[in-house]
Amino acid sequence: MLTRHELTASFPELHGQTVERLTLRLCHAPGAADDVAVGLLKLRGGRWHRFFLDVDVLFWDEQQDLDPEDLDVASADPEVRFELRDVAGAAGRTLEAVVMHQAAAGGRLVLYFDNQDALCFQGVDAGTGTERTAMEWLHGVAAPARKKRRR
C-alpha cells in the first residue's frame, strides 16, 4: 500500500502503469479561480490513488475503493460548490513518471505520460493568505531520466 506525505517524491512503482481514470474534485468559490481539491487516479487493474497538495506538501494514499467523502459534492457554504470532473485525455495513457518537487512558486506534482505530455498540479498563492492548486497540461515534455541502479 502506497502512502506518502512528502515535499519531494518520485513514484517508480507507478511507472509503466496505464491510467484507467483520472477524476478531479474541484472547488468553485465566488471571485476565485478553480481549486483542485483532490485528485483521484485509478490505474488499470489496480487500486485508486487519492492525492492533494497542501502548503507545498503532497499527500498521496493508495486505497482499494474511494471513500464516500471523495465523491461528495455537497458544501456547507452556499457560496461554494464542488464538482467531480474527469480529466479528458488521461484515460488509456501510460505513466512514464510521477514526480513531486519544490519549484520557486511552490509545490509541484507532475504526471508524465508516454506521448510527451504531462499534467502539472501546482500550489499557487491565492493572494488571500490561502493556497489553491492549479492544473495544466504541458506538451512536448519528456519524463525525467531514470537513475540507473548500481549492481
Foldseek 3Di string as FASTA:
>chain_A
DDWDWALKDKDPVQAFWFWAWKKFKWKDAPPFDIFRAWIWTDTVPAWIWIWDAAQSIITIDTDRDDDVVRVDQDDPDPRMTIDMDIDPPRHGWGFRIWIWHADPQGIKIWTATPQQKIKIWGWHDRVPNGIGIDIDIDHNHDDDDDDDDDD
